[in-house]
Amino acid sequence: QVQLVESGGGLVQPGGSLRLSCAASGSIASINVIGWYRQASGKQRDLVAAITRDGTANYAEVVKGRFTISRDNAKNTVYLQMNNLKPEDTAVYYCNTDTYPLGYGSGPWGQGTQVTVSS
């Protein structure tokens, strides 16, 4: 089973940008859906964005127009470009494989990467 490791989080001011990376231990070319999720303190984990094998992306309404998910099968990595960050984007961000219906993750959860948006 492919293991996914998140990185790229940090502290950023409102309006700033971050790019998260989800590096796989093996090939992701055959994985149909990979998603980015986030969990704010005291809240449930929610799907933020997902990308299919053919590059089709889906986004949660709250991040549409600000976040972009992409995948590089050659590098076995999925990215989440986050622009115009808001304090409410503060959360631990995770990546995981997913199946339909989307939103629950289908593999083991990693440690995630903390994103803090604050002035």
C-alpha atoms as a PDB file:
ATOM      1  CA  GLN A   1       0.000   0.000   0.000  1.00  0.00           C
ATOM      2  CA  VAL A   2       1.310   3.429  -0.942  1.00  0.00           C
ATOM      3  CA  GLN A   3       2.067   5.687   2.010  1.00  0.00           C
ATOM      4  CA  LEU A   4       1.474   9.420   1.724  1.00  0.00           C
ATOM      5  CA  VAL A   5       3.440  12.064   3.643  1.00  0.00           C
ATOM      6  CA  GLU A   6       2.334  15.678   3.912  1.00  0.00           C
ATOM      7  CA  SER A   7       4.638  18.688   4.095  1.00  0.00           C
ATOM      8  CA  GLY A   8       4.739  22.402   3.422  1.00  0.00           C
ATOM      9  CA  GLY A   9       2.645  23.809   6.220  1.00  0.00           C
ATOM     10  CA  GLY A  10       3.601  26.771   8.339  1.00  0.00           C
ATOM     11  CA  LEU A  11       2.592  30.150   9.679  1.00  0.00           C
ATOM     12  CA  VAL A  12       1.381  32.678   7.143  1.00  0.00           C
ATOM     13  CA  GLN A  13      -0.364  36.028   7.339  1.00  0.00           C
ATOM     14  CA  PRO A  14      -3.890  36.506   6.032  1.00  0.00           C
ATOM     15  CA  GLY A  15      -3.798  36.957   2.288  1.00  0.00           C
ATOM     16  CA  GLY A  16      -0.624  34.919   1.975  1.00  0.00           C
ATOM     17  CA  SER A  17       0.075  31.690   0.128  1.00  0.00           C
ATOM     18  CA  LEU A  18       1.416  28.228   0.850  1.00  0.00           C
ATOM     19  CA  ARG A  19       1.962  25.150  -1.247  1.00  0.00           C
ATOM     20  CA  LEU A  20       1.464  21.793   0.409  1.00  0.00           C
ATOM     21  CA  SER A  21       3.017  18.608  -0.913  1.00  0.00           C
ATOM     22  CA  CYS A  22       1.807  15.027  -0.566  1.00  0.00           C
ATOM     23  CA  ALA A  23       4.648  12.662  -1.404  1.00  0.00           C
ATOM     24  CA  ALA A  24       3.900   9.021  -2.068  1.00  0.00           C
ATOM     25  CA  SER A  25       6.168   6.082  -1.265  1.00  0.00           C
ATOM     26  CA  GLY A  26       5.316   4.526  -4.610  1.00  0.00           C
ATOM     27  CA  SER A  27       3.580   5.204  -7.872  1.00  0.00           C
ATOM     28  CA  ILE A  28       0.361   7.192  -7.776  1.00  0.00           C
ATOM     29  CA  ALA A  29      -0.395   6.751 -11.464  1.00  0.00           C
ATOM     30  CA  SER A  30      -2.947   4.033 -10.807  1.00  0.00           C
ATOM     31  CA  ILE A  31      -4.624   5.749  -7.856  1.00  0.00           C
ATOM     32  CA  ASN A  32      -7.968   7.053  -9.033  1.00  0.00           C
ATOM     33  CA  VAL A  33      -8.587   9.779  -6.469  1.00  0.00           C
ATOM     34  CA  ILE A  34      -6.291  11.594  -4.051  1.00  0.00           C
ATOM     35  CA  GLY A  35      -7.665  14.254  -1.779  1.00  0.00           C
ATOM     36  CA  TRP A  36      -6.573  16.955   0.614  1.00  0.00           C
ATOM     37  CA  TYR A  37      -8.495  17.221   3.874  1.00  0.00           C
ATOM     38  CA  ARG A  38      -8.277  19.496   6.853  1.00  0.00           C
ATOM     39  CA  GLN A  39      -9.216  19.354  10.483  1.00  0.00           C
ATOM     40  CA  ALA A  40      -9.430  22.447  12.596  1.00  0.00           C
ATOM     41  CA  SER A  41      -9.132  22.152  16.344  1.00  0.00           C
ATOM     42  CA  GLY A  42     -12.305  20.702  17.812  1.00  0.00           C
ATOM     43  CA  LYS A  43     -13.915  20.119  14.436  1.00  0.00           C
ATOM     44  CA  GLN A  44     -14.368  17.187  12.119  1.00  0.00           C
ATOM     45  CA  ARG A  45     -12.057  16.452   9.232  1.00  0.00           C
ATOM     46  CA  ASP A  46     -13.398  17.743   5.936  1.00  0.00           C
ATOM     47  CA  LEU A  47     -12.460  17.209   2.318  1.00  0.00           C
ATOM     48  CA  VAL A  48     -10.946  20.344   0.816  1.00  0.00           C
ATOM     49  CA  ALA A  49     -10.046  19.227  -2.686  1.00  0.00           C
ATOM     50  CA  ALA A  50      -9.696  16.029  -4.669  1.00  0.00           C
ATOM     51  CA  ILE A  51      -8.150  15.132  -7.980  1.00  0.00           C
ATOM     52  CA  THR A  52      -8.810  12.135 -10.178  1.00  0.00           C
ATOM     53  CA  ARG A  53      -6.361  10.136 -12.227  1.00  0.00           C
ATOM     54  CA  ASP A  54      -7.246  12.103 -15.350  1.00  0.00           C
ATOM     55  CA  GLY A  55      -6.709  15.413 -13.571  1.00  0.00           C
ATOM     56  CA  THR A  56     -10.309  16.354 -12.835  1.00  0.00           C
ATOM     57  CA  ALA A  57     -10.440  18.452  -9.679  1.00  0.00           C
ATOM     58  CA  ASN A  58     -13.205  19.053  -7.168  1.00  0.00           C
ATOM     59  CA  TYR A  59     -13.202  21.663  -4.425  1.00  0.00           C
ATOM     60  CA  ALA A  60     -15.128  22.477  -1.306  1.00  0.00           C
ATOM     61  CA  GLU A  61     -17.123  25.673  -1.779  1.00  0.00           C
ATOM     62  CA  VAL A  62     -15.165  27.492   0.912  1.00  0.00           C
ATOM     63  CA  VAL A  63     -11.888  27.177  -0.992  1.00  0.00           C
ATOM     64  CA  LYS A  64     -13.050  27.480  -4.597  1.00  0.00           C
ATOM     65  CA  GLY A  65     -11.099  30.148  -6.441  1.00  0.00           C
ATOM     66  CA  ARG A  66      -8.361  30.194  -3.799  1.00  0.00           C
ATOM     67  CA  PHE A  67      -6.974  26.649  -3.695  1.00  0.00           C
ATOM     68  CA  THR A  68      -5.669  24.560  -6.584  1.00  0.00           C
ATOM     69  CA  ILE A  69      -4.954  20.850  -6.425  1.00  0.00           C
ATOM     70  CA  SER A  70      -2.602  19.219  -8.886  1.00  0.00           C
ATOM     71  CA  ARG A  71      -0.782  15.937  -9.284  1.00  0.00           C
ATOM     72  CA  ASP A  72       2.579  15.063 -10.786  1.00  0.00           C
ATOM     73  CA  ASN A  73       2.564  11.343 -11.482  1.00  0.00           C
ATOM     74  CA  ALA A  74       6.214  11.431 -12.520  1.00  0.00           C
ATOM     75  CA  LYS A  75       7.166  12.730  -9.068  1.00  0.00           C
ATOM     76  CA  ASN A  76       4.492  10.721  -7.257  1.00  0.00           C
ATOM     77  CA  THR A  77       3.349  13.903  -5.581  1.00  0.00           C
ATOM     78  CA  VAL A  78       0.084  15.768  -5.176  1.00  0.00           C
ATOM     79  CA  TYR A  79       0.121  19.472  -4.428  1.00  0.00           C
ATOM     80  CA  LEU A  80      -2.278  21.937  -2.888  1.00  0.00           C
ATOM     81  CA  GLN A  81      -1.595  25.543  -3.794  1.00  0.00           C
ATOM     82  CA  MET A  82      -3.365  27.794  -1.320  1.00  0.00           C
ATOM     83  CA  ASN A  83      -3.730  31.490  -2.083  1.00  0.00           C
ATOM     84  CA  ASN A  84      -5.475  34.336  -0.292  1.00  0.00           C
ATOM     85  CA  LEU A  85      -5.392  32.394   2.934  1.00  0.00           C
ATOM     86  CA  LYS A  86      -7.821  33.307   5.697  1.00  0.00           C
ATOM     87  CA  PRO A  87      -7.679  32.689   9.442  1.00  0.00           C
ATOM     88  CA  GLU A  88     -10.459  30.137   9.031  1.00  0.00           C
ATOM     89  CA  ASP A  89      -8.127  28.053   6.856  1.00  0.00           C
ATOM     90  CA  THR A  90      -6.097  27.288   9.968  1.00  0.00           C
ATOM     91  CA  ALA A  91      -6.065  23.520  10.419  1.00  0.00           C
ATOM     92  CA  VAL A  92      -4.014  20.370  10.122  1.00  0.00           C
ATOM     93  CA  TYR A  93      -4.010  19.351   6.474  1.00  0.00           C
ATOM     94  CA  TYR A  94      -3.903  15.708   5.407  1.00  0.00           C
ATOM     95  CA  CYS A  95      -3.780  13.891   2.107  1.00  0.00           C
ATOM     96  CA  ASN A  96      -5.249  10.488   1.454  1.00  0.00           C
ATOM     97  CA  THR A  97      -6.575   8.285  -1.262  1.00  0.00           C
ATOM     98  CA  ASP A  98     -10.321   8.345  -1.658  1.00  0.00           C
ATOM     99  CA  THR A  99     -13.189   6.555  -3.310  1.00  0.00           C
ATOM    100  CA  TYR A 100     -16.735   7.503  -4.177  1.00  0.00           C
ATOM    101  CA  PRO A 101     -18.603   8.919  -2.386  1.00  0.00           C
ATOM    102  CA  LEU A 102     -15.721  11.270  -1.665  1.00  0.00           C
ATOM    103  CA  GLY A 103     -14.818  12.716   1.661  1.00  0.00           C
ATOM    104  CA  TYR A 104     -13.884   9.898   3.972  1.00  0.00           C
ATOM    105  CA  GLY A 105     -10.425   8.804   2.876  1.00  0.00           C
ATOM    106  CA  SER A 106      -9.670   5.205   2.014  1.00  0.00           C
ATOM    107  CA  GLY A 107      -6.194   4.718   3.416  1.00  0.00           C
ATOM    108  CA  PRO A 108      -4.432   5.259   6.725  1.00  0.00           C
ATOM    109  CA  TRP A 109      -4.148   8.836   7.939  1.00  0.00           C
ATOM    110  CA  GLY A 110      -0.716  10.386   8.269  1.00  0.00           C
ATOM    111  CA  GLN A 111       0.420  13.050  10.703  1.00  0.00           C
ATOM    112  CA  GLY A 112      -0.627  15.902   8.483  1.00  0.00           C
ATOM    113  CA  THR A 113       0.935  19.325   8.225  1.00  0.00           C
ATOM    114  CA  GLN A 114      -0.139  22.313  10.306  1.00  0.00           C
ATOM    115  CA  VAL A 115      -1.255  25.468   8.538  1.00  0.00           C
ATOM    116  CA  THR A 116      -1.742  28.541  10.694  1.00  0.00           C
ATOM    117  CA  VAL A 117      -3.077  31.762   9.215  1.00  0.00           C
ATOM    118  CA  SER A 118      -2.598  34.627  11.605  1.00  0.00           C
ATOM    119  CA  SER A 119      -1.295  38.158  11.741  1.00  0.00           C
END
